[in-house]
Amino acid sequence: MFQQATDYRPPVWPPVEGEQRPMMHFDFQVGDLDAAVDDAVTLGATVADAQPQENVRVLIDPAGHPFCLVRDDD
């Protein structure tokens, strides 16, 4: 179930002690990482400053939730 939280604070990425932690996390496998990032940004996401790996891009959705696009290397 999802419901509106009137005292909502977006999570901080990367996590910081004492700040709101991520409440959910999605990883999406993509064939073309650069194209997928461009599409996500066009739809309102922003690229996070902290990037953990070469084949992963952390983005932030418009509500502040981080999610990952993961290049499918298979």
Protein backbone atom coordinates (compact mmCIF):
# COMPACT_ATOMS: atom_id res chain seq x y z
CA MET A 1 0.00 0.00 0.00
CA PHE A 2 1.20 3.52 -0.77
CA GLN A 3 -0.02 6.66 0.89
CA GLN A 4 0.96 10.32 1.11
CA ALA A 5 3.26 11.31 3.97
CA THR A 6 2.72 14.93 4.97
CA ASP A 7 6.10 15.11 6.74
CA TYR A 8 8.01 13.48 3.87
CA ARG A 9 11.75 14.08 3.68
CA PRO A 10 13.60 12.72 0.64
CA PRO A 11 16.38 10.24 1.41
CA VAL A 12 20.02 11.25 1.19
CA TRP A 13 22.39 9.47 -1.20
CA PRO A 14 24.84 8.23 -0.27
CA PRO A 15 23.35 7.56 3.18
CA VAL A 16 24.41 9.93 5.97
CA GLU A 17 24.08 9.15 9.67
CA GLY A 18 21.08 10.98 11.14
CA GLU A 19 19.51 11.77 7.75
CA GLN A 20 16.56 10.07 6.04
CA ARG A 21 17.66 6.66 4.71
CA PRO A 22 16.40 5.27 1.39
CA MET A 23 13.05 3.54 1.90
CA MET A 24 13.09 1.43 -1.26
CA HIS A 25 15.54 0.66 -3.99
CA PHE A 26 15.08 -0.47 -7.57
CA ASP A 27 17.76 -1.77 -9.94
CA PHE A 28 16.87 -1.78 -13.64
CA GLN A 29 19.02 -3.76 -16.10
CA VAL A 30 19.59 -1.92 -19.36
CA GLY A 31 21.42 -2.73 -22.57
CA ASP A 32 22.67 0.79 -23.27
CA LEU A 33 23.52 2.61 -20.05
CA ASP A 34 24.05 6.06 -21.57
CA ALA A 35 20.77 5.94 -23.50
CA ALA A 36 18.87 4.72 -20.44
CA VAL A 37 20.31 7.55 -18.32
CA ASP A 38 19.30 10.08 -21.00
CA ASP A 39 15.76 8.64 -21.08
CA ALA A 40 15.45 8.74 -17.28
CA VAL A 41 16.70 12.34 -17.13
CA THR A 42 14.20 13.32 -19.85
CA LEU A 43 11.46 11.83 -17.65
CA GLY A 44 12.53 13.88 -14.61
CA ALA A 45 15.32 11.94 -12.88
CA THR A 46 18.62 13.50 -11.92
CA VAL A 47 22.02 11.82 -11.92
CA ALA A 48 23.41 11.44 -8.38
CA ASP A 49 26.82 12.91 -7.60
CA ALA A 50 28.01 9.66 -5.97
CA GLN A 51 28.46 6.80 -8.46
CA PRO A 52 29.62 3.45 -7.01
CA GLN A 53 30.59 1.49 -10.14
CA GLU A 54 31.43 1.91 -13.81
CA ASN A 55 28.52 -0.26 -15.01
CA VAL A 56 25.94 1.33 -12.66
CA ARG A 57 24.37 4.78 -12.62
CA VAL A 58 22.54 6.00 -9.53
CA LEU A 59 19.73 8.39 -10.34
CA ILE A 60 17.25 10.22 -8.14
CA ASP A 61 13.56 10.20 -9.02
CA PRO A 62 11.51 13.44 -8.77
CA ALA A 63 10.39 12.52 -5.21
CA GLY A 64 14.01 12.03 -4.12
CA HIS A 65 14.28 8.23 -4.15
CA PRO A 66 17.54 6.79 -5.51
CA PHE A 67 17.40 3.99 -8.09
CA CYS A 68 20.02 2.30 -10.24
CA LEU A 69 20.39 1.60 -13.92
CA VAL A 70 22.71 -1.38 -14.35
CA ARG A 71 24.34 -2.18 -17.67
CA ASP A 72 23.52 -5.76 -18.73
CA ASP A 73 26.92 -7.12 -19.72
CA ASP A 74 25.64 -10.59 -20.68
